[in-house]
Amino acid sequence: MVGVPHSNGCATCVKRRIKCDERLPGCAKCEKYGKPCPGYDRGFKFITGKPYRTPRQKSKSDTGSSSEERSKTGSPITGNRSQAGLQAVVLKDQPWSLTYGDVNVMQSLEALVQEFSQPTSLTQKHLASQWFGFLPSVYGLSQTLDASIKSFTAHHFGKVLQNDQMIAYARSAYGEALYRLRKALKDPSECLSSHVFYSVVLLCMYELFTDTEDPESWMKHAKGLGQLVKIRGPERYRNDLDITLLKISRGLIVMHSMFSGEPCFLASEDWHHMMRQQRAPDISLDLHDSIEQFFAYFTYAPSLVHKFYHLKHTDITTPEALQIISATLEQALDLQSKLAPWHEQFSQIAPPPVDSLASTDDPLYPIILTYSNMTHASIYCGYYAYMVIIHEVLKTFGYPGPHADMVTYFRDQICRSVEYSCVGVLGPYRLGFPLRIAIEVADPTTRSWILARLAQFSKVYAASEPKNYEPILPSNT
């Protein structure tokens, strides 16, 4: 087994015997207490116990699923975790390398799954963390994917433990992953496989978490990811692994389309229909249908933003500009008319957020929003961001209505959701798009507030670097 301290909180909260909120990069309790938070280094260590079986060992007599069978079904390993007695393992004070053997890698993956599942349980996970649960079941099935897994895992624990050797190893493994990926993409027997797809997703995530020098690096991977998803076609997503990867990828694909100016190929009935047909067993049919309907509407956001952005470089008095304005207004009003009944229906399925006192003395947002779970929070925040875009369009083109007030209202709804939604390693990832939209319409005070939060998030999530948040929407000032 692996020894794990009972508390997941920071050392200060554990010492004071109070509940830690585990906010990243430091907890709010320490901030309120007036002392720097020491972080969440739990000091993991090995103790004697039964080793984890590597999936390279395939046995027909095994009572559980073989690694080959798991790769076909795409089922994540969740129940085996407690049976194997593996909850987390990180080597803190010894030279560290994932090349020591498959057992060490598998144990590290178990720790990674635990980390990225927080703050939700392993059985009720947000989609953004759920796909990490597949990692133990696919490790050992592809050299390309193995290198991608090692790079992401080593980087994460290197950052957590402030271990430069781990981070250096992660960069080396990343280079190997890219080399093997290029070869795999040229191989007709491999290029469209689930393992290559998983590798591309994981390397894109690696860039989002690591690259502080080139803000466009994740865009390059997201572009390649979108091209691969498109080439594979809607009919290839039929097992649990591929479906989960597609649903975690589609947000990145839409964001790339929005920021690059390229059309979003997911905005088609073929893709919408395919995704509506694929429902996870742990989600109700009503909630599934509502989420998929929202995402179908969301795929049209890039085309709306593209029309809006085009006007930044166009003389608005020309006939061409007037046509663009007319088309943009028509699309914005159409989406608004569709989202209104959707929101009413969704609110009956997923409880709306409730007001709560902030855990810190925040003068700008002393009252925050709390949600029933992270999945609901993510959909609501996506809706707020979409409404910001729609009302900003209507306001800019002088369409009658209190659109300026609505832009401010939905922007503040996003900001008030930060404390709840940004808990855990994947918190900044979940709010990446909503905050990107909120900062576009922020006044100087709100912008400073958002930038301060982004600076905190960037310590674990490089894509949150404030310098990456340059305006993309046209200003009407």
Protein backbone atom coordinates (compact mmCIF):
# COMPACT_ATOMS: atom_id res chain seq x y z
CA MET A 1 0.00 0.00 0.00
CA VAL A 2 0.91 3.65 0.07
CA GLY A 3 0.87 5.75 3.22
CA VAL A 4 -1.32 8.84 2.96
CA PRO A 5 -1.96 11.45 5.66
CA HIS A 6 -5.63 11.54 6.67
CA SER A 7 -6.11 15.25 5.92
CA ASN A 8 -5.91 16.75 2.44
CA GLY A 9 -5.63 20.30 3.78
CA CYS A 10 -2.58 22.52 4.03
CA ALA A 11 -0.15 22.08 6.91
CA THR A 12 -1.31 25.25 8.68
CA CYS A 13 -4.98 24.25 8.67
CA VAL A 14 -4.08 20.74 9.81
CA LYS A 15 -2.01 22.17 12.67
CA ARG A 16 -4.83 24.57 13.64
CA ARG A 17 -7.33 21.68 13.34
CA ILE A 18 -9.69 23.60 11.10
CA LYS A 19 -11.27 22.57 7.76
CA CYS A 20 -9.12 23.69 4.83
CA ASP A 21 -10.91 24.83 1.64
CA GLU A 22 -7.94 23.60 -0.47
CA ARG A 23 -8.10 26.60 -2.78
CA LEU A 24 -5.23 26.92 -5.24
CA PRO A 25 -2.53 28.11 -5.09
CA GLY A 26 -3.15 28.82 -1.37
CA CYS A 27 -6.15 28.37 0.88
CA ALA A 28 -8.44 31.23 1.90
CA LYS A 29 -8.19 30.29 5.59
CA CYS A 30 -4.45 31.07 5.63
CA GLU A 31 -5.09 34.31 3.74
CA LYS A 32 -7.66 35.34 6.35
CA TYR A 33 -5.34 34.16 9.13
CA GLY A 34 -2.65 36.51 7.80
CA LYS A 35 -0.04 33.87 7.06
CA PRO A 36 1.26 32.46 3.76
CA CYS A 37 -0.27 29.12 2.88
CA PRO A 38 2.35 26.33 2.83
CA GLY A 39 0.46 24.46 0.11
CA TYR A 40 -0.70 20.88 -0.08
CA ASP A 41 2.48 18.81 -0.10
CA ARG A 42 1.28 15.71 1.75
CA GLY A 43 4.68 14.07 2.08
CA PHE A 44 3.70 10.77 0.47
CA LYS A 45 5.92 7.78 1.16
CA PHE A 46 6.07 4.09 0.31
CA ILE A 47 5.13 1.49 2.92
CA THR A 48 5.04 -2.25 2.51
CA GLY A 49 2.07 -3.60 0.62
CA LYS A 50 0.80 -5.37 -2.46
CA PRO A 51 2.15 -3.86 -5.69
CA TYR A 52 -0.14 -2.73 -8.47
CA ARG A 53 -0.34 -5.01 -11.52
CA THR A 54 0.82 -3.41 -14.74
CA PRO A 55 -1.61 -3.63 -17.66
CA ARG A 56 1.19 -5.04 -19.81
CA GLN A 57 0.55 -8.40 -18.15
CA LYS A 58 -2.42 -9.81 -20.11
CA SER A 59 -4.00 -12.96 -18.71
CA LYS A 60 -7.11 -14.76 -19.92
CA SER A 61 -7.55 -16.31 -16.48
CA ASP A 62 -7.70 -12.94 -14.78
CA THR A 63 -11.12 -12.43 -13.19
CA GLY A 64 -11.04 -8.73 -13.97
CA SER A 65 -10.89 -7.05 -17.38
CA SER A 66 -7.61 -7.41 -19.21
CA SER A 67 -5.90 -4.26 -20.47
CA GLU A 68 -6.83 -5.29 -24.01
CA GLU A 69 -10.50 -5.64 -23.06
CA ARG A 70 -10.42 -2.32 -21.21
CA SER A 71 -8.98 -0.59 -24.24
CA LYS A 72 -11.89 -1.83 -26.33
CA THR A 73 -14.60 -0.90 -23.87
CA GLY A 74 -12.95 2.29 -22.71
CA SER A 75 -14.05 1.69 -19.11
CA PRO A 76 -12.14 3.75 -16.54
CA ILE A 77 -10.65 2.04 -13.51
CA THR A 78 -12.45 3.34 -10.46
CA GLY A 79 -13.54 0.44 -8.28
CA ASN A 80 -10.12 -1.28 -8.38
CA ARG A 81 -8.50 1.67 -6.70
CA SER A 82 -9.59 0.82 -3.16
CA GLN A 83 -8.99 -2.89 -3.73
CA ALA A 84 -5.41 -2.29 -4.75
CA GLY A 85 -4.93 0.06 -1.83
CA LEU A 86 -3.52 2.76 -4.08
CA GLN A 87 -4.65 6.28 -3.37
CA ALA A 88 -1.57 8.37 -4.04
CA VAL A 89 2.19 8.01 -4.40
CA VAL A 90 4.84 10.62 -5.00
CA LEU A 91 8.54 10.26 -4.28
CA LYS A 92 9.47 13.49 -2.56
CA ASP A 93 13.04 13.21 -1.35
CA GLN A 94 14.52 10.71 -3.81
CA PRO A 95 15.71 11.13 -7.40
CA TRP A 96 12.53 10.66 -9.35
CA SER A 97 11.88 9.15 -12.74
CA LEU A 98 8.94 7.48 -14.38
CA THR A 99 11.39 5.17 -16.14
CA TYR A 100 11.87 3.12 -12.96
CA GLY A 101 9.15 0.71 -14.05
CA ASP A 102 5.51 0.30 -14.87
CA VAL A 103 4.52 -0.20 -11.22
CA ASN A 104 5.82 3.26 -10.35
CA VAL A 105 3.99 4.77 -13.32
CA MET A 106 0.73 3.06 -12.43
CA GLN A 107 0.96 4.21 -8.82
CA SER A 108 1.67 7.75 -9.98
CA LEU A 109 -1.36 7.61 -12.28
CA GLU A 110 -3.55 6.59 -9.36
CA ALA A 111 -2.31 9.66 -7.50
CA LEU A 112 -2.97 11.83 -10.55
CA VAL A 113 -6.54 10.55 -10.90
CA GLN A 114 -7.15 11.34 -7.22
CA GLU A 115 -5.71 14.85 -7.58
CA PHE A 116 -7.65 15.73 -10.72
CA SER A 117 -10.92 14.34 -9.37
CA GLN A 118 -11.00 16.90 -6.57
CA PRO A 119 -13.16 18.44 -5.20
CA THR A 120 -15.80 15.98 -6.47
CA SER A 121 -15.99 12.28 -5.68
CA LEU A 122 -14.63 9.58 -7.96
CA THR A 123 -18.15 8.39 -8.72
CA GLN A 124 -19.65 11.83 -9.44
CA LYS A 125 -17.02 13.62 -11.46
CA HIS A 126 -17.07 16.61 -13.72
CA LEU A 127 -16.33 15.63 -17.33
CA ALA A 128 -13.10 17.62 -17.25
CA SER A 129 -11.76 15.29 -14.54
CA GLN A 130 -13.56 12.09 -15.58
CA TRP A 131 -11.35 11.43 -18.59
CA PHE A 132 -8.26 11.24 -16.38
CA GLY A 133 -9.81 8.09 -14.90
CA PHE A 134 -9.04 6.26 -18.14
CA LEU A 135 -5.29 6.75 -17.77
CA PRO A 136 -4.50 3.58 -15.78
CA SER A 137 -6.49 1.43 -18.21
CA VAL A 138 -4.68 2.68 -21.33
CA TYR A 139 -1.13 2.94 -20.05
CA GLY A 140 1.10 0.33 -21.67
CA LEU A 141 -0.92 0.00 -24.88
CA SER A 142 0.92 2.58 -27.01
CA GLN A 143 4.39 4.08 -26.88
CA THR A 144 3.04 7.42 -28.09
CA LEU A 145 0.39 7.54 -25.39
CA ASP A 146 2.82 6.27 -22.73
CA ALA A 147 5.21 9.15 -23.42
CA SER A 148 2.31 11.63 -23.33
CA ILE A 149 1.11 10.21 -20.01
CA LYS A 150 4.59 10.36 -18.50
CA SER A 151 5.10 13.98 -19.57
CA PHE A 152 1.82 15.19 -18.10
CA THR A 153 2.14 13.16 -14.89
CA ALA A 154 5.76 14.16 -14.24
CA HIS A 155 5.01 17.83 -14.83
CA HIS A 156 2.05 17.82 -12.45
CA PHE A 157 3.93 16.23 -9.58
CA GLY A 158 7.00 18.30 -10.35
CA LYS A 159 4.94 21.45 -9.87
CA VAL A 160 3.21 20.12 -6.74
CA LEU A 161 6.50 19.10 -5.10
CA GLN A 162 8.59 21.91 -6.64
CA ASN A 163 10.93 19.25 -8.00
CA ASP A 164 12.96 20.55 -10.93
CA GLN A 165 14.13 17.05 -11.86
CA MET A 166 10.55 15.89 -12.40
CA ILE A 167 9.79 18.96 -14.52
CA ALA A 168 12.93 18.41 -16.61
CA TYR A 169 11.93 14.77 -17.11
CA ALA A 170 8.46 15.92 -18.16
CA ARG A 171 9.95 18.12 -20.87
CA SER A 172 12.06 15.22 -22.10
CA ALA A 173 9.05 12.89 -22.19
CA TYR A 174 7.07 15.60 -23.98
CA GLY A 175 9.71 15.75 -26.70
CA GLU A 176 9.57 11.98 -27.07
CA ALA A 177 5.76 12.11 -27.21
CA LEU A 178 5.82 14.67 -30.03
CA TYR A 179 8.36 12.59 -31.97
CA ARG A 180 6.29 9.42 -31.64
CA LEU A 181 3.06 11.29 -32.40
CA ARG A 182 4.43 12.58 -35.71
CA LYS A 183 5.36 9.02 -36.67
CA ALA A 184 1.97 7.67 -35.58
CA LEU A 185 0.10 10.29 -37.60
CA LYS A 186 1.92 9.10 -40.73
CA ASP A 187 0.97 5.48 -40.08
CA PRO A 188 -2.43 4.61 -41.65
CA SER A 189 -2.94 1.86 -39.08
CA GLU A 190 -2.41 4.22 -36.13
CA CYS A 191 -3.35 7.76 -37.12
CA LEU A 192 -7.08 7.44 -36.35
CA SER A 193 -6.72 5.18 -33.30
CA SER A 194 -8.08 6.01 -29.85
CA HIS A 195 -4.53 6.02 -28.48
CA VAL A 196 -3.38 8.72 -30.89
CA PHE A 197 -6.52 10.72 -30.14
CA TYR A 198 -5.86 10.45 -26.39
CA SER A 199 -2.23 11.51 -26.92
CA VAL A 200 -3.25 14.65 -28.82
CA VAL A 201 -5.75 15.61 -26.09
CA LEU A 202 -3.20 15.01 -23.35
CA LEU A 203 -0.45 17.00 -25.08
CA CYS A 204 -2.87 19.88 -25.60
CA MET A 205 -3.62 19.79 -21.87
CA TYR A 206 0.12 19.66 -21.17
CA GLU A 207 0.53 22.94 -23.05
CA LEU A 208 -2.35 24.55 -21.17
CA PHE A 209 -0.75 23.64 -17.84
CA THR A 210 2.92 24.25 -18.65
CA ASP A 211 3.68 26.79 -21.37
CA THR A 212 4.23 30.27 -19.96
CA GLU A 213 6.40 31.51 -22.83
CA ASP A 214 4.20 31.02 -25.89
CA PRO A 215 0.51 31.86 -25.30
CA GLU A 216 -0.29 30.44 -28.74
CA SER A 217 1.16 26.96 -28.09
CA TRP A 218 -2.12 25.47 -26.89
CA MET A 219 -3.82 26.96 -29.96
CA LYS A 220 -1.47 24.99 -32.22
CA HIS A 221 -2.33 21.77 -30.42
CA ALA A 222 -6.04 22.64 -30.34
CA LYS A 223 -5.95 23.19 -34.10
CA GLY A 224 -4.35 19.79 -34.62
CA LEU A 225 -6.86 18.28 -32.22
CA GLY A 226 -9.76 19.73 -34.20
CA GLN A 227 -8.31 18.50 -37.48
CA LEU A 228 -7.94 14.98 -36.07
CA VAL A 229 -11.50 14.95 -34.68
CA LYS A 230 -12.84 16.16 -38.03
CA ILE A 231 -10.87 13.61 -40.07
CA ARG A 232 -12.02 10.77 -37.82
CA GLY A 233 -15.63 11.76 -38.54
CA PRO A 234 -18.76 11.45 -36.37
CA GLU A 235 -19.11 7.70 -36.85
CA ARG A 236 -15.86 6.78 -35.08
CA TYR A 237 -16.98 7.86 -31.57
CA ARG A 238 -18.75 4.79 -30.26
CA ASN A 239 -16.89 3.53 -27.17
CA ASP A 240 -16.71 5.19 -23.75
CA LEU A 241 -13.12 6.34 -24.19
CA ASP A 242 -13.62 8.03 -27.56
CA ILE A 243 -16.89 9.65 -26.49
CA THR A 244 -15.38 11.06 -23.29
CA LEU A 245 -12.33 12.36 -25.19
CA LEU A 246 -14.56 14.02 -27.78
CA LYS A 247 -16.67 15.74 -25.15
CA ILE A 248 -13.60 17.02 -23.30
CA SER A 249 -12.10 18.15 -26.63
CA ARG A 250 -15.08 19.99 -28.06
CA GLY A 251 -14.71 22.99 -25.76
CA LEU A 252 -11.10 23.45 -26.89
CA ILE A 253 -12.18 23.05 -30.52
CA VAL A 254 -14.87 25.73 -30.19
CA MET A 255 -12.47 28.08 -28.37
CA HIS A 256 -9.83 27.60 -31.08
CA SER A 257 -12.41 28.38 -33.73
CA MET A 258 -13.56 31.48 -31.89
CA PHE A 259 -10.07 32.92 -31.35
CA SER A 260 -8.55 31.85 -34.68
CA GLY A 261 -11.36 33.05 -36.93
CA GLU A 262 -11.75 29.61 -38.50
CA PRO A 263 -15.20 28.04 -38.96
CA CYS A 264 -16.35 25.57 -36.30
CA PHE A 265 -17.03 22.24 -38.02
CA LEU A 266 -18.91 20.99 -34.95
CA ALA A 267 -21.74 23.42 -35.80
CA SER A 268 -23.55 20.82 -37.88
CA GLU A 269 -26.50 18.53 -37.28
CA ASP A 270 -24.38 15.42 -37.97
CA TRP A 271 -22.10 16.18 -35.02
CA HIS A 272 -24.96 17.38 -32.82
CA HIS A 273 -26.95 14.21 -33.49
CA MET A 274 -24.00 11.94 -32.77
CA MET A 275 -23.27 13.61 -29.42
CA ARG A 276 -26.93 13.55 -28.38
CA GLN A 277 -26.93 9.77 -28.87
CA GLN A 278 -24.00 9.18 -26.52
CA ARG A 279 -25.08 9.42 -22.88
CA ALA A 280 -22.92 8.55 -19.89
CA PRO A 281 -24.61 6.04 -17.55
CA ASP A 282 -24.13 8.27 -14.48
CA ILE A 283 -26.14 11.20 -15.87
CA SER A 284 -29.91 11.48 -16.15
CA LEU A 285 -31.51 11.60 -19.58
CA ASP A 286 -33.04 15.04 -18.93
CA LEU A 287 -29.72 16.52 -17.83
CA HIS A 288 -27.88 14.90 -20.72
CA ASP A 289 -30.35 16.24 -23.29
CA SER A 290 -30.23 19.73 -21.79
CA ILE A 291 -26.41 19.84 -21.76
CA GLU A 292 -26.21 18.59 -25.34
CA GLN A 293 -28.78 21.15 -26.47
CA PHE A 294 -26.73 23.93 -24.89
CA PHE A 295 -23.55 22.69 -26.52
CA ALA A 296 -25.29 22.57 -29.91
CA TYR A 297 -26.14 26.26 -29.47
CA PHE A 298 -22.61 26.92 -28.20
CA THR A 299 -21.02 25.68 -31.44
CA TYR A 300 -22.58 28.70 -33.19
CA ALA A 301 -20.83 31.18 -30.88
CA PRO A 302 -17.66 31.39 -33.03
CA SER A 303 -19.56 32.49 -36.13
CA LEU A 304 -21.32 35.20 -34.10
CA VAL A 305 -18.02 36.44 -32.67
CA HIS A 306 -16.36 36.33 -36.11
CA LYS A 307 -19.02 38.63 -37.59
CA PHE A 308 -18.71 40.92 -34.59
CA TYR A 309 -14.90 40.97 -34.75
CA HIS A 310 -14.89 41.62 -38.50
CA LEU A 311 -16.56 44.97 -37.86
CA LYS A 312 -13.50 46.10 -35.90
CA HIS A 313 -11.67 46.37 -39.23
CA THR A 314 -14.57 47.62 -41.31
CA ASP A 315 -16.02 51.05 -41.98
CA ILE A 316 -19.49 50.61 -40.44
CA THR A 317 -21.02 53.13 -42.85
CA THR A 318 -20.41 50.94 -45.90
CA PRO A 319 -23.10 48.70 -47.41
CA GLU A 320 -20.92 45.67 -46.59
CA ALA A 321 -20.78 46.63 -42.91
CA LEU A 322 -24.53 47.22 -42.78
CA GLN A 323 -25.11 43.73 -44.16
CA ILE A 324 -22.78 42.24 -41.54
CA ILE A 325 -24.52 44.20 -38.77
CA SER A 326 -27.91 42.99 -39.97
CA ALA A 327 -26.75 39.34 -40.13
CA THR A 328 -25.07 39.59 -36.72
CA LEU A 329 -28.14 41.08 -35.08
CA GLU A 330 -30.34 38.43 -36.64
CA GLN A 331 -28.12 35.63 -35.36
CA ALA A 332 -27.81 37.15 -31.88
CA LEU A 333 -31.58 37.55 -31.54
CA ASP A 334 -32.16 34.01 -32.80
CA LEU A 335 -29.74 32.56 -30.26
CA GLN A 336 -31.26 34.67 -27.50
CA SER A 337 -34.73 33.38 -28.34
CA LYS A 338 -33.45 29.78 -28.18
CA LEU A 339 -31.42 30.16 -25.00
CA ALA A 340 -34.28 31.70 -23.01
CA PRO A 341 -36.49 28.56 -22.96
CA TRP A 342 -33.40 26.38 -22.68
CA HIS A 343 -32.36 28.22 -19.49
CA GLU A 344 -35.84 27.92 -18.02
CA GLN A 345 -35.84 24.17 -18.65
CA PHE A 346 -32.27 23.68 -17.40
CA SER A 347 -33.09 25.56 -14.18
CA GLN A 348 -35.78 22.97 -13.47
CA ILE A 349 -33.30 20.12 -13.91
CA ALA A 350 -30.20 21.67 -12.32
CA PRO A 351 -30.88 23.86 -9.26
CA PRO A 352 -29.84 27.49 -9.90
CA PRO A 353 -26.96 28.83 -7.81
CA VAL A 354 -27.60 30.36 -4.41
CA ASP A 355 -26.02 33.39 -2.78
CA SER A 356 -23.41 32.75 -0.09
CA LEU A 357 -20.91 34.83 1.81
CA ALA A 358 -17.42 34.81 0.33
CA SER A 359 -14.79 33.04 2.41
CA THR A 360 -12.58 36.11 2.18
CA ASP A 361 -13.28 39.79 2.76
CA ASP A 362 -13.65 40.53 -0.94
CA PRO A 363 -14.86 44.14 -1.29
CA LEU A 364 -15.92 43.70 -4.92
CA TYR A 365 -17.77 40.39 -4.63
CA PRO A 366 -18.61 39.78 -0.95
CA ILE A 367 -21.55 37.58 -2.03
CA ILE A 368 -20.62 34.59 -4.20
CA LEU A 369 -22.58 31.90 -6.04
CA THR A 370 -22.55 28.27 -4.95
CA TYR A 371 -23.88 25.40 -7.03
CA SER A 372 -25.17 21.89 -6.44
CA ASN A 373 -22.16 20.39 -8.27
CA MET A 374 -19.35 21.24 -10.67
CA THR A 375 -21.15 20.02 -13.78
CA HIS A 376 -24.07 22.36 -13.14
CA ALA A 377 -21.66 25.19 -12.34
CA SER A 378 -19.79 24.73 -15.63
CA ILE A 379 -22.96 24.79 -17.72
CA TYR A 380 -24.34 27.84 -15.93
CA CYS A 381 -21.04 29.71 -16.36
CA GLY A 382 -20.95 28.77 -20.04
CA TYR A 383 -24.47 30.17 -20.35
CA TYR A 384 -23.43 33.41 -18.61
CA ALA A 385 -20.52 33.80 -21.02
CA TYR A 386 -22.77 33.21 -24.03
CA MET A 387 -25.25 35.80 -22.76
CA VAL A 388 -22.43 38.33 -22.33
CA ILE A 389 -21.54 37.89 -26.01
CA ILE A 390 -25.16 38.16 -27.19
CA HIS A 391 -26.00 41.25 -25.13
CA GLU A 392 -22.70 42.90 -26.06
CA VAL A 393 -23.61 42.47 -29.71
CA LEU A 394 -27.10 43.88 -29.17
CA LYS A 395 -25.74 46.78 -27.13
CA THR A 396 -23.03 47.65 -29.64
CA PHE A 397 -25.47 47.82 -32.54
CA GLY A 398 -28.03 49.83 -30.61
CA TYR A 399 -30.77 47.23 -30.42
CA PRO A 400 -33.46 48.37 -27.93
CA GLY A 401 -33.22 46.95 -24.44
CA PRO A 402 -31.15 47.16 -21.22
CA HIS A 403 -28.26 45.29 -22.82
CA ALA A 404 -25.48 47.20 -21.01
CA ASP A 405 -27.00 46.22 -17.66
CA MET A 406 -27.36 42.62 -18.82
CA VAL A 407 -23.72 42.46 -19.90
CA THR A 408 -22.69 43.67 -16.45
CA TYR A 409 -25.06 41.25 -14.72
CA PHE A 410 -23.83 38.14 -16.54
CA ARG A 411 -20.20 39.25 -16.26
CA ASP A 412 -20.64 39.53 -12.49
CA GLN A 413 -22.35 36.13 -12.37
CA ILE A 414 -19.15 34.67 -13.81
CA CYS A 415 -16.95 36.50 -11.33
CA ARG A 416 -19.17 35.50 -8.41
CA SER A 417 -18.76 31.87 -9.51
CA VAL A 418 -14.97 31.91 -9.30
CA GLU A 419 -14.60 30.90 -5.65
CA TYR A 420 -16.83 27.85 -6.06
CA SER A 421 -15.76 26.76 -9.54
CA CYS A 422 -12.00 27.25 -9.29
CA VAL A 423 -11.42 24.74 -6.50
CA GLY A 424 -9.07 21.89 -7.38
CA VAL A 425 -6.38 21.44 -10.01
CA LEU A 426 -8.86 21.72 -12.89
CA GLY A 427 -10.71 24.73 -11.47
CA PRO A 428 -8.94 27.33 -13.66
CA TYR A 429 -9.49 25.11 -16.70
CA ARG A 430 -13.23 24.93 -16.05
CA LEU A 431 -13.53 28.73 -15.90
CA GLY A 432 -11.03 29.52 -18.66
CA PHE A 433 -13.59 30.45 -21.31
CA PRO A 434 -16.09 32.33 -19.07
CA LEU A 435 -13.32 34.46 -17.57
CA ARG A 436 -11.94 35.08 -21.05
CA ILE A 437 -15.30 36.57 -22.02
CA ALA A 438 -15.81 38.40 -18.71
CA ILE A 439 -12.53 40.27 -19.01
CA GLU A 440 -13.51 41.49 -22.48
CA VAL A 441 -16.36 43.55 -21.02
CA ALA A 442 -14.83 44.39 -17.64
CA ASP A 443 -14.46 47.92 -16.31
CA PRO A 444 -10.98 48.78 -14.89
CA THR A 445 -11.87 47.67 -11.34
CA THR A 446 -13.34 44.35 -12.43
CA ARG A 447 -10.51 43.78 -14.88
CA SER A 448 -7.95 44.22 -12.09
CA TRP A 449 -9.93 41.77 -9.94
CA ILE A 450 -9.97 39.16 -12.73
CA LEU A 451 -6.28 39.64 -13.53
CA ALA A 452 -5.38 39.11 -9.87
CA ARG A 453 -7.25 35.80 -9.86
CA LEU A 454 -5.64 34.76 -13.13
CA ALA A 455 -2.20 35.48 -11.69
CA GLN A 456 -3.01 33.12 -8.81
CA PHE A 457 -4.31 30.41 -11.14
CA SER A 458 -1.27 30.66 -13.44
CA LYS A 459 0.94 29.14 -10.75
CA VAL A 460 -0.65 25.77 -11.55
CA TYR A 461 -2.38 26.48 -14.87
CA ALA A 462 -0.07 28.34 -17.26
CA ALA A 463 -2.85 29.29 -19.69
CA SER A 464 -4.19 31.65 -17.01
CA GLU A 465 -1.19 33.95 -17.37
CA PRO A 466 -2.68 37.49 -17.44
CA LYS A 467 -0.61 38.35 -20.52
CA ASN A 468 -2.63 35.77 -22.45
CA TYR A 469 -5.84 37.71 -21.88
CA GLU A 470 -5.55 40.41 -24.50
CA PRO A 471 -8.88 41.72 -25.89
CA ILE A 472 -10.36 39.93 -28.90
CA LEU A 473 -13.78 41.55 -29.12
CA PRO A 474 -14.15 44.94 -30.79
CA SER A 475 -14.47 47.92 -28.52
CA ASN A 476 -17.30 50.33 -29.08
CA THR A 477 -15.58 53.16 -27.27
